[in-house]
């Protein structure tokens, strides 16, 4: 499953469903798809997401960890969250709702 995040102030962001749900839960949301966060709650969700992901280095463990199928380095959750953080920053600045759907 893919999840598409959208708001009027930023281009759409598409993520794999399992990662999107983990990030939604880090923001204090239930993780249901489809869903939305109202403009007045976007800044709070953004702060929660940044706080939850900032303790992890974007490339932590990438040198040693690899996917068994193709040998590609593992991408950390904090690195995967960067596009979504940018979308939420733009939404907060524009006072826009954020919606997601599959």
PDB file of N, CA and C in Angstrom:
ATOM      1  N   UNK A   1       0.839  -1.177   0.000  1.00  0.00           N
ATOM      2  CA  UNK A   1       0.000   0.000   0.000  1.00  0.00           C
ATOM      3  C   UNK A   1       0.886   1.242   0.000  1.00  0.00           C
ATOM      4  N   UNK A   2       0.472   2.234  -0.752  1.00  0.00           N
ATOM      5  CA  UNK A   2       1.120   3.539  -0.753  1.00  0.00           C
ATOM      6  C   UNK A   2       0.173   4.544  -0.120  1.00  0.00           C
ATOM      7  N   UNK A   3       0.734   5.532   0.571  1.00  0.00           N
ATOM      8  CA  UNK A   3      -0.048   6.590   1.194  1.00  0.00           C
ATOM      9  C   UNK A   3       0.434   7.914   0.624  1.00  0.00           C
ATOM     10  N   UNK A   4      -0.508   8.737   0.157  1.00  0.00           N
ATOM     11  CA  UNK A   4      -0.189  10.044  -0.401  1.00  0.00           C
ATOM     12  C   UNK A   4      -0.621  11.122   0.581  1.00  0.00           C
ATOM     13  N   UNK A   5       0.325  11.942   1.011  1.00  0.00           N
ATOM     14  CA  UNK A   5       0.065  13.089   1.884  1.00  0.00           C
ATOM     15  C   UNK A   5      -0.067  14.324   1.004  1.00  0.00           C
ATOM     16  N   UNK A   6      -1.038  15.175   1.325  1.00  0.00           N
ATOM     17  CA  UNK A   6      -1.220  16.379   0.523  1.00  0.00           C
ATOM     18  C   UNK A   6      -1.679  17.545   1.383  1.00  0.00           C
ATOM     19  N   UNK A   7      -1.335  18.727   0.923  1.00  0.00           N
ATOM     20  CA  UNK A   7      -1.822  19.979   1.485  1.00  0.00           C
ATOM     21  C   UNK A   7      -1.717  21.020   0.378  1.00  0.00           C
ATOM     22  N   UNK A   8      -2.393  22.132   0.553  1.00  0.00           N
ATOM     23  CA  UNK A   8      -2.420  23.149  -0.504  1.00  0.00           C
ATOM     24  C   UNK A   8      -1.116  23.925  -0.622  1.00  0.00           C
ATOM     25  N   UNK A   9      -0.214  23.795   0.336  1.00  0.00           N
ATOM     26  CA  UNK A   9       1.014  24.593   0.354  1.00  0.00           C
ATOM     27  C   UNK A   9       2.254  23.829  -0.091  1.00  0.00           C
ATOM     28  N   UNK A  10       2.112  22.564  -0.506  1.00  0.00           N
ATOM     29  CA  UNK A  10       3.290  21.736  -0.822  1.00  0.00           C
ATOM     30  C   UNK A  10       2.892  20.668  -1.830  1.00  0.00           C
ATOM     31  N   UNK A  11       3.863  20.184  -2.565  1.00  0.00           N
ATOM     32  CA  UNK A  11       3.622  19.067  -3.474  1.00  0.00           C
ATOM     33  C   UNK A  11       3.288  17.818  -2.669  1.00  0.00           C
ATOM     34  N   UNK A  12       2.542  16.908  -3.288  1.00  0.00           N
ATOM     35  CA  UNK A  12       2.174  15.659  -2.617  1.00  0.00           C
ATOM     36  C   UNK A  12       3.413  14.825  -2.297  1.00  0.00           C
ATOM     37  N   UNK A  13       3.333  14.077  -1.202  1.00  0.00           N
ATOM     38  CA  UNK A  13       4.391  13.156  -0.773  1.00  0.00           C
ATOM     39  C   UNK A  13       3.789  11.754  -0.765  1.00  0.00           C
ATOM     40  N   UNK A  14       4.459  10.811  -1.417  1.00  0.00           N
ATOM     41  CA  UNK A  14       3.999   9.419  -1.447  1.00  0.00           C
ATOM     42  C   UNK A  14       4.980   8.572  -0.659  1.00  0.00           C
ATOM     43  N   UNK A  15       4.440   7.751   0.254  1.00  0.00           N
ATOM     44  CA  UNK A  15       5.262   6.891   1.104  1.00  0.00           C
ATOM     45  C   UNK A  15       4.683   5.487   1.125  1.00  0.00           C
ATOM     46  N   UNK A  16       5.536   4.516   1.442  1.00  0.00           N
ATOM     47  CA  UNK A  16       5.053   3.172   1.690  1.00  0.00           C
ATOM     48  C   UNK A  16       4.165   3.203   2.922  1.00  0.00           C
ATOM     49  N   UNK A  17       3.098   2.395   2.913  1.00  0.00           N
ATOM     50  CA  UNK A  17       2.106   2.418   3.968  1.00  0.00           C
ATOM     51  C   UNK A  17       2.644   2.158   5.357  1.00  0.00           C
ATOM     52  N   UNK A  18       3.549   1.181   5.508  1.00  0.00           N
ATOM     53  CA  UNK A  18       4.058   0.861   6.841  1.00  0.00           C
ATOM     54  C   UNK A  18       4.843   2.025   7.443  1.00  0.00           C
ATOM     55  N   UNK A  19       5.628   2.704   6.626  1.00  0.00           N
ATOM     56  CA  UNK A  19       6.389   3.867   7.106  1.00  0.00           C
ATOM     57  C   UNK A  19       5.443   5.020   7.419  1.00  0.00           C
ATOM     58  N   UNK A  20       4.484   5.268   6.539  1.00  0.00           N
ATOM     59  CA  UNK A  20       3.531   6.362   6.756  1.00  0.00           C
ATOM     60  C   UNK A  20       2.761   6.173   8.056  1.00  0.00           C
ATOM     61  N   UNK A  21       2.316   4.962   8.317  1.00  0.00           N
ATOM     62  CA  UNK A  21       1.559   4.693   9.547  1.00  0.00           C
ATOM     63  C   UNK A  21       2.434   4.877  10.779  1.00  0.00           C
ATOM     64  N   UNK A  22       3.683   4.442  10.713  1.00  0.00           N
ATOM     65  CA  UNK A  22       4.607   4.655  11.851  1.00  0.00           C
ATOM     66  C   UNK A  22       4.782   6.144  12.119  1.00  0.00           C
ATOM     67  N   UNK A  23       4.950   6.928  11.054  1.00  0.00           N
ATOM     68  CA  UNK A  23       5.143   8.370  11.230  1.00  0.00           C
ATOM     69  C   UNK A  23       3.876   9.035  11.760  1.00  0.00           C
ATOM     70  N   UNK A  24       2.717   8.611  11.282  1.00  0.00           N
ATOM     71  CA  UNK A  24       1.461   9.151  11.797  1.00  0.00           C
ATOM     72  C   UNK A  24       1.317   8.874  13.291  1.00  0.00           C
ATOM     73  N   UNK A  25       1.662   7.671  13.704  1.00  0.00           N
ATOM     74  CA  UNK A  25       1.571   7.326  15.125  1.00  0.00           C
ATOM     75  C   UNK A  25       2.553   8.133  15.965  1.00  0.00           C
ATOM     76  N   UNK A  26       3.733   8.441  15.409  1.00  0.00           N
ATOM     77  CA  UNK A  26       4.695   9.285  16.128  1.00  0.00           C
ATOM     78  C   UNK A  26       4.143  10.689  16.334  1.00  0.00           C
ATOM     79  N   UNK A  27       3.242  11.122  15.439  1.00  0.00           N
ATOM     80  CA  UNK A  27       2.631  12.449  15.555  1.00  0.00           C
ATOM     81  C   UNK A  27       1.434  12.449  16.503  1.00  0.00           C
ATOM     82  N   UNK A  28       1.097  11.277  17.046  1.00  0.00           N
ATOM     83  CA  UNK A  28      -0.028  11.196  17.964  1.00  0.00           C
ATOM     84  C   UNK A  28      -1.345  10.875  17.279  1.00  0.00           C
ATOM     85  N   UNK A  29      -1.303  10.503  16.018  1.00  0.00           N
ATOM     86  CA  UNK A  29      -2.505  10.137  15.281  1.00  0.00           C
ATOM     87  C   UNK A  29      -2.709   8.630  15.373  1.00  0.00           C
ATOM     88  N   UNK A  30      -3.905   8.178  15.107  1.00  0.00           N
ATOM     89  CA  UNK A  30      -4.210   6.745  15.208  1.00  0.00           C
ATOM     90  C   UNK A  30      -3.544   5.919  14.119  1.00  0.00           C
ATOM     91  N   UNK A  31      -3.189   6.541  13.007  1.00  0.00           N
ATOM     92  CA  UNK A  31      -2.570   5.809  11.915  1.00  0.00           C
ATOM     93  C   UNK A  31      -3.563   5.301  10.898  1.00  0.00           C
ATOM     94  N   UNK A  32      -4.813   5.740  10.998  1.00  0.00           N
ATOM     95  CA  UNK A  32      -5.811   5.305  10.027  1.00  0.00           C
ATOM     96  C   UNK A  32      -5.612   6.003   8.687  1.00  0.00           C
ATOM     97  N   UNK A  33      -5.912   5.273   7.624  1.00  0.00           N
ATOM     98  CA  UNK A  33      -5.815   5.811   6.265  1.00  0.00           C
ATOM     99  C   UNK A  33      -7.150   5.543   5.600  1.00  0.00           C
ATOM    100  N   UNK A  34      -7.831   6.536   5.064  1.00  0.00           N
ATOM    101  CA  UNK A  34      -7.466   7.942   4.928  1.00  0.00           C
ATOM    102  C   UNK A  34      -7.647   8.697   6.242  1.00  0.00           C
ATOM    103  N   UNK A  35      -7.100   9.913   6.253  1.00  0.00           N
ATOM    104  CA  UNK A  35      -7.192  10.743   7.438  1.00  0.00           C
ATOM    105  C   UNK A  35      -6.767  12.170   7.158  1.00  0.00           C
ATOM    106  N   UNK A  36      -6.816  12.988   8.190  1.00  0.00           N
ATOM    107  CA  UNK A  36      -6.451  14.392   8.044  1.00  0.00           C
ATOM    108  C   UNK A  36      -6.074  14.976   9.401  1.00  0.00           C
ATOM    109  N   UNK A  37      -5.293  16.024   9.336  1.00  0.00           N
ATOM    110  CA  UNK A  37      -4.975  16.824  10.515  1.00  0.00           C
ATOM    111  C   UNK A  37      -5.362  18.253  10.169  1.00  0.00           C
ATOM    112  N   UNK A  38      -6.199  18.856  10.990  1.00  0.00           N
ATOM    113  CA  UNK A  38      -6.654  20.214  10.742  1.00  0.00           C
ATOM    114  C   UNK A  38      -5.515  21.210  10.914  1.00  0.00           C
ATOM    115  N   UNK A  39      -5.642  22.331  10.238  1.00  0.00           N
ATOM    116  CA  UNK A  39      -4.593  23.353  10.224  1.00  0.00           C
ATOM    117  C   UNK A  39      -4.144  23.753  11.626  1.00  0.00           C
ATOM    118  N   UNK A  40      -5.075  23.866  12.565  1.00  0.00           N
ATOM    119  CA  UNK A  40      -4.712  24.290  13.921  1.00  0.00           C
ATOM    120  C   UNK A  40      -3.932  23.226  14.686  1.00  0.00           C
ATOM    121  N   UNK A  41      -3.942  21.983  14.215  1.00  0.00           N
ATOM    122  CA  UNK A  41      -3.219  20.898  14.875  1.00  0.00           C
ATOM    123  C   UNK A  41      -1.923  20.505  14.167  1.00  0.00           C
ATOM    124  N   UNK A  42      -1.659  21.105  13.016  1.00  0.00           N
ATOM    125  CA  UNK A  42      -0.487  20.730  12.208  1.00  0.00           C
ATOM    126  C   UNK A  42       0.814  21.019  12.951  1.00  0.00           C
ATOM    127  N   UNK A  43       0.919  22.168  13.572  1.00  0.00           N
ATOM    128  CA  UNK A  43       2.161  22.532  14.256  1.00  0.00           C
ATOM    129  C   UNK A  43       2.476  21.572  15.411  1.00  0.00           C
ATOM    130  N   UNK A  44       1.473  21.172  16.156  1.00  0.00           N
ATOM    131  CA  UNK A  44       1.673  20.214  17.243  1.00  0.00           C
ATOM    132  C   UNK A  44       2.144  18.871  16.698  1.00  0.00           C
ATOM    133  N   UNK A  45       1.518  18.405  15.630  1.00  0.00           N
ATOM    134  CA  UNK A  45       1.917  17.138  15.009  1.00  0.00           C
ATOM    135  C   UNK A  45       3.342  17.225  14.489  1.00  0.00           C
ATOM    136  N   UNK A  46       3.700  18.355  13.896  1.00  0.00           N
ATOM    137  CA  UNK A  46       5.055  18.565  13.384  1.00  0.00           C
ATOM    138  C   UNK A  46       6.074  18.501  14.514  1.00  0.00           C
ATOM    139  N   UNK A  47       5.799  19.161  15.617  1.00  0.00           N
ATOM    140  CA  UNK A  47       6.720  19.135  16.761  1.00  0.00           C
ATOM    141  C   UNK A  47       6.916  17.716  17.279  1.00  0.00           C
ATOM    142  N   UNK A  48       5.841  16.953  17.357  1.00  0.00           N
ATOM    143  CA  UNK A  48       5.941  15.565  17.822  1.00  0.00           C
ATOM    144  C   UNK A  48       6.791  14.728  16.870  1.00  0.00           C
ATOM    145  N   UNK A  49       6.592  14.919  15.570  1.00  0.00           N
ATOM    146  CA  UNK A  49       7.343  14.159  14.579  1.00  0.00           C
ATOM    147  C   UNK A  49       8.823  14.504  14.624  1.00  0.00           C
ATOM    148  N   UNK A  50       9.144  15.777  14.700  1.00  0.00           N
ATOM    149  CA  UNK A  50      10.541  16.204  14.755  1.00  0.00           C
ATOM    150  C   UNK A  50      11.202  15.681  16.023  1.00  0.00           C
ATOM    151  N   UNK A  51      10.526  15.792  17.145  1.00  0.00           N
ATOM    152  CA  UNK A  51      11.074  15.306  18.411  1.00  0.00           C
ATOM    153  C   UNK A  51      11.329  13.804  18.365  1.00  0.00           C
ATOM    154  N   UNK A  52      10.408  13.061  17.800  1.00  0.00           N
ATOM    155  CA  UNK A  52      10.532  11.597  17.751  1.00  0.00           C
ATOM    156  C   UNK A  52      11.637  11.135  16.817  1.00  0.00           C
ATOM    157  N   UNK A  53      11.930  11.917  15.790  1.00  0.00           N
ATOM    158  CA  UNK A  53      12.918  11.478  14.803  1.00  0.00           C
ATOM    159  C   UNK A  53      14.275  12.146  14.940  1.00  0.00           C
ATOM    160  N   UNK A  54      14.393  13.195  15.723  1.00  0.00           N
ATOM    161  CA  UNK A  54      15.663  13.912  15.785  1.00  0.00           C
ATOM    162  C   UNK A  54      16.753  13.171  16.549  1.00  0.00           C
ATOM    163  N   UNK A  55      16.414  12.260  17.429  1.00  0.00           N
ATOM    164  CA  UNK A  55      17.417  11.533  18.188  1.00  0.00           C
ATOM    165  C   UNK A  55      18.170  10.497  17.380  1.00  0.00           C
ATOM    166  N   UNK A  56      17.642  10.175  16.228  1.00  0.00           N
ATOM    167  CA  UNK A  56      18.240   9.149  15.378  1.00  0.00           C
ATOM    168  C   UNK A  56      19.026   9.814  14.257  1.00  0.00           C
ATOM    169  N   UNK A  57      20.260   9.386  14.067  1.00  0.00           N
ATOM    170  CA  UNK A  57      21.079   9.898  12.969  1.00  0.00           C
ATOM    171  C   UNK A  57      20.459   9.462  11.648  1.00  0.00           C
ATOM    172  N   UNK A  58      20.387  10.345  10.631  1.00  0.00           N
ATOM    173  CA  UNK A  58      19.766   9.991   9.359  1.00  0.00           C
ATOM    174  C   UNK A  58      20.371   8.763   8.695  1.00  0.00           C
ATOM    175  N   UNK A  59      21.646   8.497   8.913  1.00  0.00           N
ATOM    176  CA  UNK A  59      22.283   7.352   8.284  1.00  0.00           C
ATOM    177  C   UNK A  59      22.813   6.357   9.309  1.00  0.00           C
ATOM    178  N   UNK A  60      22.265   6.376  10.509  1.00  0.00           N
ATOM    179  CA  UNK A  60      22.754   5.499  11.574  1.00  0.00           C
ATOM    180  C   UNK A  60      22.678   4.039  11.165  1.00  0.00           C
ATOM    181  N   UNK A  61      23.802   3.371  11.245  1.00  0.00           N
ATOM    182  CA  UNK A  61      23.851   1.953  10.962  1.00  0.00           C
ATOM    183  C   UNK A  61      23.804   1.590   9.496  1.00  0.00           C
ATOM    184  N   UNK A  62      23.784   2.564   8.613  1.00  0.00           N
ATOM    185  CA  UNK A  62      23.653   2.282   7.187  1.00  0.00           C
ATOM    186  C   UNK A  62      24.868   1.555   6.629  1.00  0.00           C
ATOM    187  N   UNK A  63      26.032   1.757   7.240  1.00  0.00           N
ATOM    188  CA  UNK A  63      27.241   1.113   6.719  1.00  0.00           C
ATOM    189  C   UNK A  63      27.202  -0.405   6.921  1.00  0.00           C
ATOM    190  N   UNK A  64      26.674  -0.828   8.059  1.00  0.00           N
ATOM    191  CA  UNK A  64      26.693  -2.245   8.405  1.00  0.00           C
ATOM    192  C   UNK A  64      25.398  -2.972   8.076  1.00  0.00           C
ATOM    193  N   UNK A  65      24.296  -2.272   8.111  1.00  0.00           N
ATOM    194  CA  UNK A  65      23.009  -2.914   7.871  1.00  0.00           C
ATOM    195  C   UNK A  65      22.705  -2.911   6.382  1.00  0.00           C
ATOM    196  N   UNK A  66      22.192  -4.027   5.908  1.00  0.00           N
ATOM    197  CA  UNK A  66      21.804  -4.083   4.500  1.00  0.00           C
ATOM    198  C   UNK A  66      20.595  -4.974   4.331  1.00  0.00           C
ATOM    199  N   UNK A  67      19.843  -4.701   3.292  1.00  0.00           N
ATOM    200  CA  UNK A  67      18.683  -5.507   2.955  1.00  0.00           C
ATOM    201  C   UNK A  67      19.180  -6.830   2.387  1.00  0.00           C
ATOM    202  N   UNK A  68      18.628  -7.928   2.846  1.00  0.00           N
ATOM    203  CA  UNK A  68      19.114  -9.236   2.421  1.00  0.00           C
ATOM    204  C   UNK A  68      18.886  -9.491   0.935  1.00  0.00           C
ATOM    205  N   UNK A  69      17.844  -8.911   0.355  1.00  0.00           N
ATOM    206  CA  UNK A  69      17.518  -9.192  -1.033  1.00  0.00           C
ATOM    207  C   UNK A  69      18.458  -8.530  -2.019  1.00  0.00           C
ATOM    208  N   UNK A  70      18.749  -7.246  -1.834  1.00  0.00           N
ATOM    209  CA  UNK A  70      19.525  -6.545  -2.855  1.00  0.00           C
ATOM    210  C   UNK A  70      20.779  -5.851  -2.342  1.00  0.00           C
ATOM    211  N   UNK A  71      21.101  -5.982  -1.076  1.00  0.00           N
ATOM    212  CA  UNK A  71      22.327  -5.409  -0.544  1.00  0.00           C
ATOM    213  C   UNK A  71      22.317  -3.894  -0.416  1.00  0.00           C
ATOM    214  N   UNK A  72      21.170  -3.259  -0.544  1.00  0.00           N
ATOM    215  CA  UNK A  72      21.076  -1.808  -0.412  1.00  0.00           C
ATOM    216  C   UNK A  72      21.121  -1.419   1.068  1.00  0.00           C
ATOM    217  N   UNK A  73      21.696  -0.261   1.378  1.00  0.00           N
ATOM    218  CA  UNK A  73      21.732   0.174   2.780  1.00  0.00           C
ATOM    219  C   UNK A  73      20.329   0.466   3.308  1.00  0.00           C
ATOM    220  N   UNK A  74      20.163   0.277   4.598  1.00  0.00           N
ATOM    221  CA  UNK A  74      18.895   0.557   5.261  1.00  0.00           C
ATOM    222  C   UNK A  74      18.741   2.069   5.402  1.00  0.00           C
ATOM    223  N   UNK A  75      17.553   2.573   5.115  1.00  0.00           N
ATOM    224  CA  UNK A  75      17.269   3.998   5.268  1.00  0.00           C
ATOM    225  C   UNK A  75      16.546   4.186   6.590  1.00  0.00           C
ATOM    226  N   UNK A  76      17.089   5.040   7.444  1.00  0.00           N
ATOM    227  CA  UNK A  76      16.513   5.230   8.779  1.00  0.00           C
ATOM    228  C   UNK A  76      15.158   5.927   8.704  1.00  0.00           C
ATOM    229  N   UNK A  77      14.386   5.773   9.767  1.00  0.00           N
ATOM    230  CA  UNK A  77      13.078   6.405   9.851  1.00  0.00           C
ATOM    231  C   UNK A  77      13.202   7.925   9.830  1.00  0.00           C
ATOM    232  N   UNK A  78      14.225   8.466  10.477  1.00  0.00           N
ATOM    233  CA  UNK A  78      14.393   9.927  10.488  1.00  0.00           C
ATOM    234  C   UNK A  78      14.675  10.461   9.087  1.00  0.00           C
ATOM    235  N   UNK A  79      15.403   9.697   8.297  1.00  0.00           N
ATOM    236  CA  UNK A  79      15.683  10.111   6.918  1.00  0.00           C
ATOM    237  C   UNK A  79      14.407  10.024   6.071  1.00  0.00           C
ATOM    238  N   UNK A  80      13.625   8.974   6.271  1.00  0.00           N
ATOM    239  CA  UNK A  80      12.374   8.821   5.526  1.00  0.00           C
ATOM    240  C   UNK A  80      11.358   9.897   5.903  1.00  0.00           C
ATOM    241  N   UNK A  81      11.461  10.435   7.113  1.00  0.00           N
ATOM    242  CA  UNK A  81      10.513  11.442   7.583  1.00  0.00           C
ATOM    243  C   UNK A  81      10.773  12.830   7.009  1.00  0.00           C
ATOM    244  N   UNK A  82      11.949  13.085   6.469  1.00  0.00           N
ATOM    245  CA  UNK A  82      12.301  14.430   6.013  1.00  0.00           C
ATOM    246  C   UNK A  82      11.303  15.043   5.026  1.00  0.00           C
ATOM    247  N   UNK A  83      10.868  14.342   3.975  1.00  0.00           N
ATOM    248  CA  UNK A  83       9.885  14.962   3.068  1.00  0.00           C
ATOM    249  C   UNK A  83       8.570  15.297   3.768  1.00  0.00           C
ATOM    250  N   UNK A  84       8.143  14.439   4.685  1.00  0.00           N
ATOM    251  CA  UNK A  84       6.901  14.689   5.416  1.00  0.00           C
ATOM    252  C   UNK A  84       7.065  15.879   6.362  1.00  0.00           C
ATOM    253  N   UNK A  85       8.219  16.011   6.970  1.00  0.00           N
ATOM    254  CA  UNK A  85       8.496  17.169   7.825  1.00  0.00           C
ATOM    255  C   UNK A  85       8.417  18.448   7.005  1.00  0.00           C
ATOM    256  N   UNK A  86       8.986  18.442   5.800  1.00  0.00           N
ATOM    257  CA  UNK A  86       8.923  19.616   4.928  1.00  0.00           C
ATOM    258  C   UNK A  86       7.483  19.966   4.573  1.00  0.00           C
ATOM    259  N   UNK A  87       6.664  18.940   4.280  1.00  0.00           N
ATOM    260  CA  UNK A  87       5.255  19.175   3.968  1.00  0.00           C
ATOM    261  C   UNK A  87       4.546  19.800   5.165  1.00  0.00           C
ATOM    262  N   UNK A  88       4.780  19.269   6.354  1.00  0.00           N
ATOM    263  CA  UNK A  88       4.133  19.804   7.556  1.00  0.00           C
ATOM    264  C   UNK A  88       4.619  21.226   7.876  1.00  0.00           C
ATOM    265  N   UNK A  89       5.881  21.521   7.622  1.00  0.00           N
ATOM    266  CA  UNK A  89       6.384  22.885   7.826  1.00  0.00           C
ATOM    267  C   UNK A  89       5.677  23.858   6.887  1.00  0.00           C
ATOM    268  N   UNK A  90       5.521  23.467   5.625  1.00  0.00           N
ATOM    269  CA  UNK A  90       4.821  24.317   4.660  1.00  0.00           C
ATOM    270  C   UNK A  90       3.358  24.486   5.046  1.00  0.00           C
ATOM    271  N   UNK A  91       2.717  23.414   5.501  1.00  0.00           N
ATOM    272  CA  UNK A  91       1.317  23.480   5.920  1.00  0.00           C
ATOM    273  C   UNK A  91       1.148  24.377   7.144  1.00  0.00           C
ATOM    274  N   UNK A  92       2.083  24.288   8.095  1.00  0.00           N
ATOM    275  CA  UNK A  92       2.003  25.133   9.290  1.00  0.00           C
ATOM    276  C   UNK A  92       2.152  26.603   8.916  1.00  0.00           C
ATOM    277  N   UNK A  93       3.087  26.881   8.032  1.00  0.00           N
ATOM    278  CA  UNK A  93       3.323  28.261   7.609  1.00  0.00           C
ATOM    279  C   UNK A  93       2.102  28.835   6.874  1.00  0.00           C
ATOM    280  N   UNK A  94       1.470  28.012   6.046  1.00  0.00           N
ATOM    281  CA  UNK A  94       0.311  28.449   5.266  1.00  0.00           C
ATOM    282  C   UNK A  94      -1.014  28.255   5.993  1.00  0.00           C
ATOM    283  N   UNK A  95      -0.949  27.696   7.199  1.00  0.00           N
ATOM    284  CA  UNK A  95      -2.158  27.382   7.970  1.00  0.00           C
ATOM    285  C   UNK A  95      -3.123  26.529   7.137  1.00  0.00           C
ATOM    286  N   UNK A  96      -2.580  25.425   6.636  1.00  0.00           N
ATOM    287  CA  UNK A  96      -3.306  24.528   5.752  1.00  0.00           C
ATOM    288  C   UNK A  96      -3.539  23.174   6.418  1.00  0.00           C
ATOM    289  N   UNK A  97      -4.648  22.529   6.092  1.00  0.00           N
ATOM    290  CA  UNK A  97      -4.909  21.167   6.545  1.00  0.00           C
ATOM    291  C   UNK A  97      -3.972  20.206   5.828  1.00  0.00           C
ATOM    292  N   UNK A  98      -3.663  19.073   6.460  1.00  0.00           N
ATOM    293  CA  UNK A  98      -2.891  18.007   5.818  1.00  0.00           C
ATOM    294  C   UNK A  98      -3.796  16.780   5.744  1.00  0.00           C
ATOM    295  N   UNK A  99      -3.872  16.207   4.539  1.00  0.00           N
ATOM    296  CA  UNK A  99      -4.701  15.032   4.327  1.00  0.00           C
ATOM    297  C   UNK A  99      -3.862  13.903   3.767  1.00  0.00           C
ATOM    298  N   UNK A 100      -4.311  12.659   3.964  1.00  0.00           N
ATOM    299  CA  UNK A 100      -3.620  11.529   3.364  1.00  0.00           C
ATOM    300  C   UNK A 100      -4.648  10.479   2.973  1.00  0.00           C
ATOM    301  N   UNK A 101      -4.279   9.731   1.938  1.00  0.00           N
ATOM    302  CA  UNK A 101      -5.158   8.708   1.392  1.00  0.00           C
ATOM    303  C   UNK A 101      -4.304   7.673   0.684  1.00  0.00           C
ATOM    304  N   UNK A 102      -4.862   6.507   0.430  1.00  0.00           N
ATOM    305  CA  UNK A 102      -4.105   5.498  -0.316  1.00  0.00           C
ATOM    306  C   UNK A 102      -4.634   5.357  -1.714  1.00  0.00           C
TER     307      UNK A 102
END
